[in-house]
C-alpha cells in the first residue's frame, strides 16, 4: 500500500474527511486526489504524520517502528481520561496536552468545557 492509500485508509478509519485533512494541513482542495505516484513529498508527509499523530516512518513504509517498553501514559487513570478525549472529537484539542496532566486536571478541564457547552 502506498502512502496516499495509507493516509486515505487511516482517515476513513478515524472518520476524518480528506478535505478536512487537506484544509487543516494547508493543502489545496483535491491535493491528495491529484497525487498520481501514490506518494507525498517528504515535507508534506511530515505535516500529515504530525496531524494524524503517527510516526513518519509508518506513513513511509506502512510498518510501525519498534516501540520501546515505556508506556505512553504512566498512570492508568490518565490513559483512560486521554482515551475519552481522543474518542470525542469535540474535546480533541486537549488530547496532546493530556499526557502531562493528572486525571484530576483532565476532569476539571472537561467540566469547564461542559459548562460552556450548556
N, C-alpha and C. Protein backbone atom coordinates (compact mmCIF):
# COMPACT_ATOMS: atom_id res chain seq x y z
N UNK A 1 0.86 -1.16 0.00
CA UNK A 1 0.00 0.00 0.00
C UNK A 1 0.91 1.23 0.00
N UNK A 2 0.65 2.17 -0.92
CA UNK A 2 1.48 3.37 -0.97
C UNK A 2 1.01 4.39 0.07
N UNK A 3 1.77 5.46 0.21
CA UNK A 3 1.49 6.46 1.25
C UNK A 3 0.12 7.10 1.10
N UNK A 4 -0.28 7.40 -0.12
CA UNK A 4 -1.58 8.04 -0.35
C UNK A 4 -2.71 7.10 0.07
N UNK A 5 -2.63 5.85 -0.34
CA UNK A 5 -3.66 4.87 0.04
C UNK A 5 -3.70 4.70 1.56
N UNK A 6 -2.53 4.67 2.19
CA UNK A 6 -2.45 4.51 3.63
C UNK A 6 -3.10 5.69 4.35
N UNK A 7 -2.81 6.90 3.91
CA UNK A 7 -3.41 8.10 4.52
C UNK A 7 -4.93 8.06 4.34
N UNK A 8 -5.40 7.70 3.16
CA UNK A 8 -6.84 7.61 2.92
C UNK A 8 -7.48 6.56 3.84
N UNK A 9 -6.81 5.43 4.01
CA UNK A 9 -7.33 4.36 4.87
C UNK A 9 -7.41 4.84 6.33
N UNK A 10 -6.35 5.47 6.81
CA UNK A 10 -6.33 5.97 8.19
C UNK A 10 -7.42 7.01 8.39
N UNK A 11 -7.57 7.92 7.43
CA UNK A 11 -8.61 8.94 7.54
C UNK A 11 -10.00 8.29 7.58
N UNK A 12 -10.21 7.28 6.75
CA UNK A 12 -11.51 6.59 6.75
C UNK A 12 -11.76 5.93 8.10
N UNK A 13 -10.75 5.27 8.64
CA UNK A 13 -10.89 4.61 9.94
C UNK A 13 -11.20 5.60 11.05
N UNK A 14 -10.60 6.78 10.97
CA UNK A 14 -10.79 7.80 12.01
C UNK A 14 -11.93 8.76 11.70
N UNK A 15 -12.61 8.50 10.57
CA UNK A 15 -13.73 9.34 10.16
C UNK A 15 -13.31 10.80 9.99
N UNK A 16 -12.15 10.98 9.35
CA UNK A 16 -11.64 12.31 9.02
C UNK A 16 -11.80 12.46 7.51
N UNK A 17 -12.54 13.45 7.08
CA UNK A 17 -12.71 13.69 5.65
C UNK A 17 -11.37 14.13 5.06
N UNK A 18 -11.06 13.64 3.87
CA UNK A 18 -9.82 14.02 3.20
C UNK A 18 -9.79 15.54 3.00
N UNK A 19 -10.93 16.12 2.69
CA UNK A 19 -10.98 17.58 2.52
C UNK A 19 -10.61 18.30 3.82
N UNK A 20 -10.99 17.74 4.96
CA UNK A 20 -10.64 18.34 6.25
C UNK A 20 -9.14 18.22 6.48
N UNK A 21 -8.57 17.04 6.21
CA UNK A 21 -7.14 16.87 6.35
C UNK A 21 -6.40 17.87 5.46
N UNK A 22 -6.83 18.00 4.21
CA UNK A 22 -6.18 18.94 3.29
C UNK A 22 -6.26 20.37 3.83
N UNK A 23 -7.42 20.76 4.25
CA UNK A 23 -7.63 22.12 4.78
C UNK A 23 -6.80 22.35 6.03
N UNK A 24 -6.86 21.41 6.98
CA UNK A 24 -6.14 21.56 8.24
C UNK A 24 -4.62 21.55 8.06
N UNK A 25 -4.15 20.85 7.04
CA UNK A 25 -2.72 20.78 6.78
C UNK A 25 -2.22 21.89 5.85
N UNK A 26 -3.15 22.70 5.36
CA UNK A 26 -2.76 23.82 4.49
C UNK A 26 -2.56 23.44 3.03
N UNK A 27 -3.13 22.31 2.62
CA UNK A 27 -3.02 21.87 1.23
C UNK A 27 -4.23 22.37 0.45
N UNK A 28 -4.09 22.43 -0.86
CA UNK A 28 -5.22 22.85 -1.68
C UNK A 28 -6.28 21.75 -1.72
N UNK A 29 -7.52 22.16 -2.00
CA UNK A 29 -8.63 21.23 -2.11
C UNK A 29 -8.35 20.26 -3.27
N UNK A 30 -8.46 18.97 -3.01
CA UNK A 30 -8.22 17.95 -4.03
C UNK A 30 -6.76 17.57 -4.20
N UNK A 31 -5.89 18.12 -3.35
CA UNK A 31 -4.45 17.85 -3.47
C UNK A 31 -4.15 16.35 -3.43
N UNK A 32 -4.71 15.66 -2.46
CA UNK A 32 -4.40 14.23 -2.29
C UNK A 32 -4.91 13.42 -3.47
N UNK A 33 -6.08 13.77 -3.97
CA UNK A 33 -6.65 13.06 -5.11
C UNK A 33 -5.76 13.21 -6.35
N UNK A 34 -5.07 14.33 -6.46
CA UNK A 34 -4.27 14.61 -7.65
C UNK A 34 -2.89 13.95 -7.64
N UNK A 35 -2.49 13.38 -6.51
CA UNK A 35 -1.18 12.74 -6.45
C UNK A 35 -1.22 11.44 -7.26
N UNK A 36 -0.47 11.40 -8.31
CA UNK A 36 -0.55 10.26 -9.23
C UNK A 36 0.44 9.15 -8.89
N UNK A 37 1.56 9.46 -8.28
CA UNK A 37 2.57 8.44 -7.99
C UNK A 37 2.29 7.67 -6.71
N UNK A 38 1.30 8.08 -5.95
CA UNK A 38 0.98 7.38 -4.72
C UNK A 38 1.89 7.72 -3.57
N UNK A 39 2.62 8.82 -3.69
CA UNK A 39 3.47 9.23 -2.57
C UNK A 39 3.48 10.75 -2.45
N UNK A 40 3.77 11.18 -1.27
CA UNK A 40 3.79 12.59 -0.95
C UNK A 40 5.23 13.11 -0.98
N UNK A 41 5.41 14.40 -1.26
CA UNK A 41 6.73 14.99 -0.99
C UNK A 41 7.00 14.84 0.51
N UNK A 42 8.25 14.63 0.89
CA UNK A 42 8.59 14.33 2.29
C UNK A 42 8.14 15.41 3.26
N UNK A 43 8.21 16.68 2.86
CA UNK A 43 7.80 17.74 3.78
C UNK A 43 6.30 17.68 4.06
N UNK A 44 5.53 17.34 3.06
CA UNK A 44 4.08 17.25 3.23
C UNK A 44 3.70 15.99 4.01
N UNK A 45 4.44 14.93 3.79
CA UNK A 45 4.17 13.69 4.53
C UNK A 45 4.42 13.91 6.02
N UNK A 46 5.43 14.70 6.36
CA UNK A 46 5.71 15.03 7.75
C UNK A 46 4.55 15.81 8.37
N UNK A 47 3.98 16.75 7.62
CA UNK A 47 2.83 17.52 8.11
C UNK A 47 1.66 16.59 8.39
N UNK A 48 1.42 15.64 7.48
CA UNK A 48 0.32 14.69 7.64
C UNK A 48 0.59 13.77 8.83
N UNK A 49 1.81 13.29 8.97
CA UNK A 49 2.16 12.41 10.11
C UNK A 49 1.90 13.14 11.42
N UNK A 50 2.31 14.40 11.50
CA UNK A 50 2.07 15.18 12.71
C UNK A 50 0.57 15.36 12.95
N UNK A 51 -0.16 15.66 11.90
CA UNK A 51 -1.61 15.87 12.01
C UNK A 51 -2.31 14.61 12.51
N UNK A 52 -1.90 13.47 11.98
CA UNK A 52 -2.53 12.20 12.36
C UNK A 52 -1.90 11.59 13.61
N UNK A 53 -0.89 12.26 14.15
CA UNK A 53 -0.18 11.80 15.34
C UNK A 53 0.35 10.38 15.13
N UNK A 54 1.04 10.20 14.01
CA UNK A 54 1.64 8.92 13.66
C UNK A 54 3.11 9.12 13.35
N UNK A 55 3.92 8.09 13.55
CA UNK A 55 5.33 8.21 13.17
C UNK A 55 5.46 8.37 11.65
N UNK A 56 6.35 9.24 11.24
CA UNK A 56 6.59 9.45 9.81
C UNK A 56 6.96 8.13 9.14
N UNK A 57 7.76 7.33 9.82
CA UNK A 57 8.19 6.03 9.29
C UNK A 57 6.99 5.16 8.90
N UNK A 58 5.93 5.21 9.70
CA UNK A 58 4.74 4.40 9.41
C UNK A 58 4.10 4.82 8.09
N UNK A 59 3.99 6.13 7.86
CA UNK A 59 3.39 6.58 6.60
C UNK A 59 4.30 6.32 5.41
N UNK A 60 5.59 6.23 5.66
CA UNK A 60 6.54 5.97 4.58
C UNK A 60 6.60 4.49 4.22
N UNK A 61 6.53 3.63 5.23
CA UNK A 61 6.76 2.20 4.99
C UNK A 61 5.53 1.32 5.22
N UNK A 62 4.56 1.84 5.97
CA UNK A 62 3.40 1.03 6.34
C UNK A 62 3.66 0.16 7.55
N UNK A 63 4.86 0.25 8.12
CA UNK A 63 5.21 -0.54 9.30
C UNK A 63 5.48 0.41 10.46
N UNK A 64 4.92 0.07 11.59
CA UNK A 64 5.17 0.88 12.78
C UNK A 64 6.59 0.62 13.26
N UNK A 65 7.29 1.68 13.69
CA UNK A 65 8.62 1.46 14.26
C UNK A 65 8.50 0.67 15.55
N UNK A 66 9.55 -0.03 15.88
CA UNK A 66 9.53 -0.81 17.11
C UNK A 66 9.32 0.11 18.30
N UNK A 67 8.40 -0.28 19.14
CA UNK A 67 8.09 0.54 20.31
C UNK A 67 9.03 0.19 21.44
N UNK A 68 9.33 1.20 22.23
CA UNK A 68 10.09 0.89 23.44
C UNK A 68 9.11 0.39 24.49
N UNK A 69 9.62 -0.06 25.60
CA UNK A 69 8.77 -0.64 26.63
C UNK A 69 8.16 0.40 27.57
N UNK A 70 8.51 1.65 27.37
CA UNK A 70 7.99 2.70 28.24
C UNK A 70 6.55 3.01 27.83
N UNK A 71 5.61 2.89 28.74
CA UNK A 71 4.22 3.20 28.38
C UNK A 71 4.07 4.69 28.11
N UNK A 72 3.20 5.02 27.18
CA UNK A 72 2.95 6.43 26.84
C UNK A 72 2.41 7.16 28.05
N UNK A 73 1.45 6.55 28.71
CA UNK A 73 0.89 7.14 29.94
C UNK A 73 1.39 6.35 31.13
N UNK A 74 1.87 7.04 32.10
CA UNK A 74 2.42 6.37 33.27
C UNK A 74 1.35 6.02 34.30
N UNK A 75 0.15 6.50 34.10
CA UNK A 75 -0.93 6.32 35.05
C UNK A 75 -2.17 5.83 34.28
N UNK A 76 -2.79 4.74 34.73
CA UNK A 76 -3.96 4.18 34.04
C UNK A 76 -5.13 5.13 34.00
N UNK A 77 -5.31 5.91 35.06
CA UNK A 77 -6.42 6.89 35.07
C UNK A 77 -6.19 7.96 34.03
N UNK A 78 -4.95 8.40 33.89
CA UNK A 78 -4.63 9.40 32.87
C UNK A 78 -4.85 8.82 31.48
N UNK A 79 -4.45 7.57 31.29
CA UNK A 79 -4.67 6.91 30.00
C UNK A 79 -6.15 6.86 29.66
N UNK A 80 -6.98 6.49 30.62
CA UNK A 80 -8.43 6.40 30.39
C UNK A 80 -9.02 7.77 30.07
N UNK A 81 -8.59 8.79 30.79
CA UNK A 81 -9.09 10.14 30.53
C UNK A 81 -8.65 10.62 29.15
N UNK A 82 -7.42 10.34 28.78
CA UNK A 82 -6.92 10.72 27.45
C UNK A 82 -7.67 9.98 26.35
N UNK A 83 -7.99 8.71 26.59
CA UNK A 83 -8.76 7.95 25.61
C UNK A 83 -10.14 8.58 25.41
N UNK A 84 -10.75 9.03 26.50
CA UNK A 84 -12.04 9.72 26.40
C UNK A 84 -11.90 10.95 25.51
N UNK A 85 -10.84 11.73 25.72
CA UNK A 85 -10.63 12.92 24.90
C UNK A 85 -10.46 12.54 23.44
N UNK A 86 -9.70 11.50 23.18
CA UNK A 86 -9.46 11.07 21.81
C UNK A 86 -10.74 10.58 21.14
N UNK A 87 -11.58 9.88 21.90
CA UNK A 87 -12.81 9.31 21.35
C UNK A 87 -13.90 10.34 21.10
N UNK A 88 -13.75 11.53 21.64
CA UNK A 88 -14.76 12.59 21.49
C UNK A 88 -14.13 13.76 20.74
N UNK A 89 -14.38 13.86 19.43
CA UNK A 89 -13.72 14.87 18.60
C UNK A 89 -13.85 16.30 19.14
N UNK A 90 -14.95 16.59 19.81
CA UNK A 90 -15.14 17.95 20.32
C UNK A 90 -14.15 18.28 21.43
N UNK A 91 -13.48 17.28 21.97
CA UNK A 91 -12.51 17.50 23.05
C UNK A 91 -11.06 17.24 22.62
N UNK A 92 -10.84 16.91 21.34
CA UNK A 92 -9.50 16.50 20.90
C UNK A 92 -8.45 17.59 21.04
N UNK A 93 -8.85 18.84 21.09
CA UNK A 93 -7.87 19.91 21.26
C UNK A 93 -7.04 19.68 22.52
N UNK A 94 -7.61 18.98 23.48
CA UNK A 94 -6.92 18.71 24.74
C UNK A 94 -6.09 17.43 24.71
N UNK A 95 -6.26 16.64 23.67
CA UNK A 95 -5.64 15.32 23.65
C UNK A 95 -4.13 15.38 23.82
N UNK A 96 -3.45 16.20 23.03
CA UNK A 96 -1.99 16.26 23.12
C UNK A 96 -1.53 16.75 24.48
N UNK A 97 -2.24 17.69 25.06
CA UNK A 97 -1.85 18.23 26.36
C UNK A 97 -2.10 17.23 27.48
N UNK A 98 -3.00 16.28 27.25
CA UNK A 98 -3.42 15.38 28.33
C UNK A 98 -2.31 14.48 28.85
N UNK A 99 -1.29 14.25 28.08
CA UNK A 99 -0.23 13.33 28.51
C UNK A 99 0.45 13.83 29.79
N UNK A 100 0.55 15.13 29.93
CA UNK A 100 1.27 15.68 31.07
C UNK A 100 0.34 16.09 32.21
N UNK A 101 -0.95 15.92 32.01
CA UNK A 101 -1.91 16.32 33.04
C UNK A 101 -2.29 15.13 33.93
N UNK A 102 -2.68 15.45 35.13
CA UNK A 102 -3.18 14.41 36.03
C UNK A 102 -4.63 14.10 35.66
N UNK A 103 -5.16 12.97 36.08
CA UNK A 103 -6.57 12.65 35.81
C UNK A 103 -7.50 13.73 36.38
N UNK A 104 -7.16 14.28 37.52
CA UNK A 104 -8.00 15.32 38.13
C UNK A 104 -7.99 16.59 37.28
N UNK A 105 -6.84 16.95 36.73
CA UNK A 105 -6.76 18.13 35.88
C UNK A 105 -7.59 17.94 34.60
N UNK A 106 -7.50 16.76 34.02
CA UNK A 106 -8.27 16.48 32.80
C UNK A 106 -9.75 16.56 33.11
N UNK A 107 -10.18 15.97 34.20
CA UNK A 107 -11.60 16.01 34.58
C UNK A 107 -12.05 17.44 34.83
N UNK A 108 -11.23 18.25 35.47
CA UNK A 108 -11.58 19.64 35.74
C UNK A 108 -11.76 20.41 34.43
N UNK A 109 -10.87 20.18 33.47
CA UNK A 109 -10.98 20.85 32.17
C UNK A 109 -12.24 20.40 31.45
N UNK A 110 -12.54 19.11 31.50
CA UNK A 110 -13.77 18.62 30.85
C UNK A 110 -15.01 19.24 31.48
N UNK A 111 -15.02 19.40 32.77
CA UNK A 111 -16.17 20.03 33.45
C UNK A 111 -16.34 21.47 33.00
N UNK A 112 -15.24 22.19 32.84
CA UNK A 112 -15.31 23.57 32.35
C UNK A 112 -15.88 23.60 30.94
N UNK A 113 -15.41 22.71 30.08
CA UNK A 113 -15.90 22.65 28.70
C UNK A 113 -17.40 22.35 28.69
N UNK A 114 -17.82 21.40 29.51
CA UNK A 114 -19.25 21.04 29.57
C UNK A 114 -20.10 22.22 30.01
N UNK A 115 -19.60 23.01 30.98
CA UNK A 115 -20.35 24.19 31.44
C UNK A 115 -20.52 25.22 30.34
N UNK A 116 -19.48 25.42 29.54
CA UNK A 116 -19.56 26.39 28.43
C UNK A 116 -20.47 25.87 27.32
N UNK A 117 -20.57 24.56 27.18
CA UNK A 117 -21.39 23.98 26.13
C UNK A 117 -22.88 24.03 26.42
N UNK A 118 -23.25 24.24 27.66
CA UNK A 118 -24.68 24.25 28.01
C UNK A 118 -25.36 25.55 27.64
